C-alpha cells in the first residue's frame, strides 16, 4: 500500500554531481523518516544519509561534506544532492521511508527498487 520510486541515477565522471529523488505514495498518514542506502558490488548495504521529520540529518562518514539530504513533507519526497562524486560512490542507491499509514497504526519501513549510480572515467 506504500510505494517508493527513485529517480536521478546515472553515469557520471569523478568530480561531477547527481541529485537523486524518491517519492512515496499510497496509504500515508505520516512519514517519520526517510533516507538513502547504497550497496556496492561485493559489499553490504549501508546507510548513506537519513533525516527524521522535523529533525536533523545524519550521514555516513564517507559522504559527509559532499552529500546533502533533504525532505519535502508536502510532496512525500526525499532528495540527496551528491557532489564531488568518487568512483567509490558507485552503487545501487535505495530509498527508505518509515511510514505510519493511519493514526492508529504503527510505523513500517518501505524500500524503493533502487537506482544505479556509476562514477567512472
Protein backbone atom coordinates (compact mmCIF):
# COMPACT_ATOMS: atom_id res chain seq x y z
CA UNK A 1 0.00 0.00 0.00
CA UNK A 2 3.06 2.25 0.11
CA UNK A 3 5.35 2.58 -2.86
CA UNK A 4 8.67 4.37 -3.16
CA UNK A 5 10.03 5.35 -6.56
CA UNK A 6 13.58 6.62 -7.04
CA UNK A 7 14.96 8.60 -9.94
CA UNK A 8 18.07 10.53 -10.90
CA UNK A 9 20.71 7.84 -11.12
CA UNK A 10 23.11 7.57 -14.00
CA UNK A 11 26.70 7.56 -15.20
CA UNK A 12 28.96 10.48 -14.32
CA UNK A 13 32.67 11.22 -14.21
CA UNK A 14 34.58 11.71 -10.96
CA UNK A 15 34.01 15.16 -9.51
CA UNK A 16 30.59 15.60 -11.08
CA UNK A 17 27.24 15.69 -9.33
CA UNK A 18 23.92 13.92 -9.28
CA UNK A 19 20.68 14.54 -7.48
CA UNK A 20 18.52 11.59 -6.55
CA UNK A 21 14.87 11.87 -5.65
CA UNK A 22 12.40 9.47 -4.10
CA UNK A 23 8.66 9.93 -3.80
CA UNK A 24 6.42 7.89 -1.53
CA UNK A 25 2.82 7.27 -2.47
CA UNK A 26 -0.13 5.20 -1.31
CA UNK A 27 -1.59 4.98 2.18
CA UNK A 28 0.39 7.60 4.09
CA UNK A 29 -0.72 9.28 7.30
CA UNK A 30 2.69 10.48 8.41
CA UNK A 31 6.29 9.88 7.43
CA UNK A 32 8.62 9.69 10.40
CA UNK A 33 11.86 9.45 8.48
CA UNK A 34 13.31 8.97 5.04
CA UNK A 35 16.77 8.04 3.94
CA UNK A 36 19.13 6.62 1.39
CA UNK A 37 21.12 3.41 1.47
CA UNK A 38 23.53 2.05 -1.07
CA UNK A 39 25.03 -1.29 -1.95
CA UNK A 40 28.24 -1.57 -3.93
CA UNK A 41 29.41 -4.77 -5.61
CA UNK A 42 30.72 -7.21 -3.02
CA UNK A 43 29.68 -5.05 -0.09
CA UNK A 44 26.81 -4.93 2.37
CA UNK A 45 24.07 -2.37 2.09
CA UNK A 46 25.00 0.70 4.10
CA UNK A 47 23.29 3.85 5.27
CA UNK A 48 24.22 6.90 3.21
CA UNK A 49 22.05 9.57 4.79
CA UNK A 50 18.79 9.86 6.67
CA UNK A 51 16.57 12.53 8.13
CA UNK A 52 13.62 12.45 10.51
CA UNK A 53 10.62 14.71 10.13
CA UNK A 54 11.45 17.90 11.97
CA UNK A 55 14.90 16.61 12.85
CA UNK A 56 18.45 16.95 11.67
CA UNK A 57 20.09 14.78 9.05
CA UNK A 58 22.84 12.27 9.60
CA UNK A 59 25.41 11.00 7.14
CA UNK A 60 27.87 8.23 6.67
CA UNK A 61 31.41 9.43 7.29
CA UNK A 62 32.34 8.64 3.70
CA UNK A 63 29.87 11.19 2.30
CA UNK A 64 29.98 13.98 4.88
CA UNK A 65 30.63 17.32 3.26
CA UNK A 66 29.74 16.02 -0.19
CA UNK A 67 26.15 14.78 0.08
CA UNK A 68 23.13 16.69 1.33
CA UNK A 69 19.81 15.08 2.18
CA UNK A 70 16.54 16.98 2.30
CA UNK A 71 12.90 16.07 2.68
CA UNK A 72 9.79 17.78 1.35
CA UNK A 73 6.96 16.58 3.59
CA UNK A 74 4.25 18.14 1.43
CA UNK A 75 5.42 16.07 -1.53
CA UNK A 76 6.41 12.95 0.46
CA UNK A 77 9.74 13.23 -1.27
CA UNK A 78 13.34 12.89 -0.16
CA UNK A 79 16.34 14.10 -2.12
CA UNK A 80 20.05 13.60 -1.89
CA UNK A 81 22.37 16.04 -3.63
CA UNK A 82 25.61 14.23 -4.36
CA UNK A 83 28.58 16.44 -5.18
CA UNK A 84 32.22 15.64 -5.84
CA UNK A 85 31.36 12.08 -6.70
CA UNK A 86 34.07 9.46 -6.46
CA UNK A 87 34.39 6.02 -8.04
CA UNK A 88 33.87 4.62 -4.54
CA UNK A 89 30.33 6.04 -4.63
CA UNK A 90 29.38 3.61 -7.38
CA UNK A 91 26.48 1.55 -6.08
CA UNK A 92 22.80 0.90 -6.28
CA UNK A 93 21.08 3.53 -4.18
CA UNK A 94 17.89 2.59 -2.36
CA UNK A 95 15.30 4.91 -0.90
CA UNK A 96 13.88 4.12 2.52
CA UNK A 97 10.87 5.53 4.35
CA UNK A 98 9.40 4.91 7.78
CA UNK A 99 5.66 5.41 7.31
CA UNK A 100 2.62 5.49 9.56
CA UNK A 101 -0.35 4.59 7.39
CA UNK A 102 -3.10 5.71 9.82
CA UNK A 103 -3.32 7.47 13.18
CA UNK A 104 -3.89 4.17 14.98
CA UNK A 105 -1.20 2.31 13.08
CA UNK A 106 2.44 1.68 13.82
CA UNK A 107 5.35 2.74 11.67
CA UNK A 108 6.61 0.40 8.98
CA UNK A 109 9.64 0.57 6.76
CA UNK A 110 9.39 0.57 2.98
CA UNK A 111 12.01 0.39 0.26
CA UNK A 112 12.32 1.59 -3.29
CA UNK A 113 13.50 -0.52 -6.18
CA UNK A 114 16.92 1.10 -6.35
CA UNK A 115 18.67 3.32 -8.87
CA UNK A 116 22.15 2.77 -10.25
CA UNK A 117 24.85 5.38 -9.74
CA UNK A 118 28.08 4.80 -11.61
CA UNK A 119 31.09 7.10 -11.23
CA UNK A 120 33.76 6.34 -13.79
CA UNK A 121 36.12 7.98 -16.24
